[in-house]
Amino acid sequence: MVDILLITILLLVFILPFIFRKIEHNLELFLLVMGIIATVVSKTLSLHLLKDVFSNYLLYLVTAVVLVMGFVFNLTVSKFISVINSILGKIRIEIFVSIVILVLGLISSIITAIVATLILVEIIHLLPLKHKTKVKIAVIGCFSIGFGAALTPVGEPLSTIVVSSLNASFLYLFEILGVYIIPTIVILSLLSYFILLYERKRGYILVPVEELLTEEEAILKAEERAILELEARKDVAVRAGKIFMFIIALELLGNGFKPFIDKYVVNLGDKLLFWINVISAALDNATVAAAEITPGLAESQVKAILLSLLASGGILIQGNIPNIIASSKLEIKSKEWVRLGLPLGVILLFVFYLILFVV
């Protein structure tokens, strides 16, 4: 009965945000409620669990960085616009965005996925693109950062947990995954280039950035909300609070499903486990990795688990920390994200499966 209830909760997490607009607009609260229900159903809710959740440094680090960077951007937005304006005066926007996604993906394992994502979204804010185009660039950028951050234990919690669980060296993940991840980041950057070429033909690249500096009205219309309004102090604080709630929700969901993962998922064969890991699109992939990664695994098994988790993590907003930050700051809804996140994630999964198990 418990297992059936947990499967039902997981299906609700996947489906309801796409059916009900109120849930889509209040995704953080919905996931928090689902997380609480999951821990109650699996009987993992306890004071000890709550203590662990609220003692997680990542909860406060991510919230603090988002809050501080939001205020910094609020104070330096005109200078930031000038820099973007200067760059776009020298190179085409397609090339600029492609370079940004490439560089941030490659260095995210050093500067962390959090910082890389904040840089990405602040740049996207100021690009003269329609909202639909910005969503596509954000999704591709978050995929790139999510993959790149996994190359060292500094980049994100998933890689930290894996290196710690295996008692591996600092460069272990780079050594076994670099040959897969670096080409993936390059391909993602090229994808952004060709998408923007197509969007230019459709007229989705808007006025030159210079106008954002000289006409207040143009600023108010960009992103359907003013950049200045979007980065107002109140909005910065509210977004940071939502991200705080989001992380708590994912922690509770992960812990609620951990007994189910330990019971059914961990012992599956490599090929089946590769596809089952698509659940990390809705759960915290670090939690799934913590359950599946053990010192007894062969290197090929570690590769399969991590590549499937990384590809799946970009499918939905709740799949990864970069997605959560980007969607919150750019006001991207679940339906908007999944239009590109789902096909891109599925394609990457099929490619990795062919490379790992067929070729």
Foldseek 3Di string as FASTA:
>chain_A
DLLVVLVVLLVCLVPVLVPDVVCLLQVLVVLQVSLVVLCVSLVNDDPVLVVVLVVPVCLVVLLVVLLVLLVVCLVCVLVVLVVLLVVCVPDPPLLVLLVLLLVLLQCLLPVALSVSLSVVLSSLQLFQFELLLSLLSLLLSSLSSLLSNLQFLSHDLQNVLQCVQQVHDRRVSCVLCVVPNNVSSNVSSVVSSVVVVVCVVVVRRHDRSVCVNVPVVVQCPRLPGHPSVLSPSVNSNVLSVSLSSLSSSLSSSLSSCLVVCLVPQQPDDLLVNLVVLLSLCSHELSSSSNSNRHNVDDSLSVNSSVQSLSLSLSQFLSNDSSSSSNCSSSVNTGVSSNVPSVVRSVVSSVVVCCVSPPD
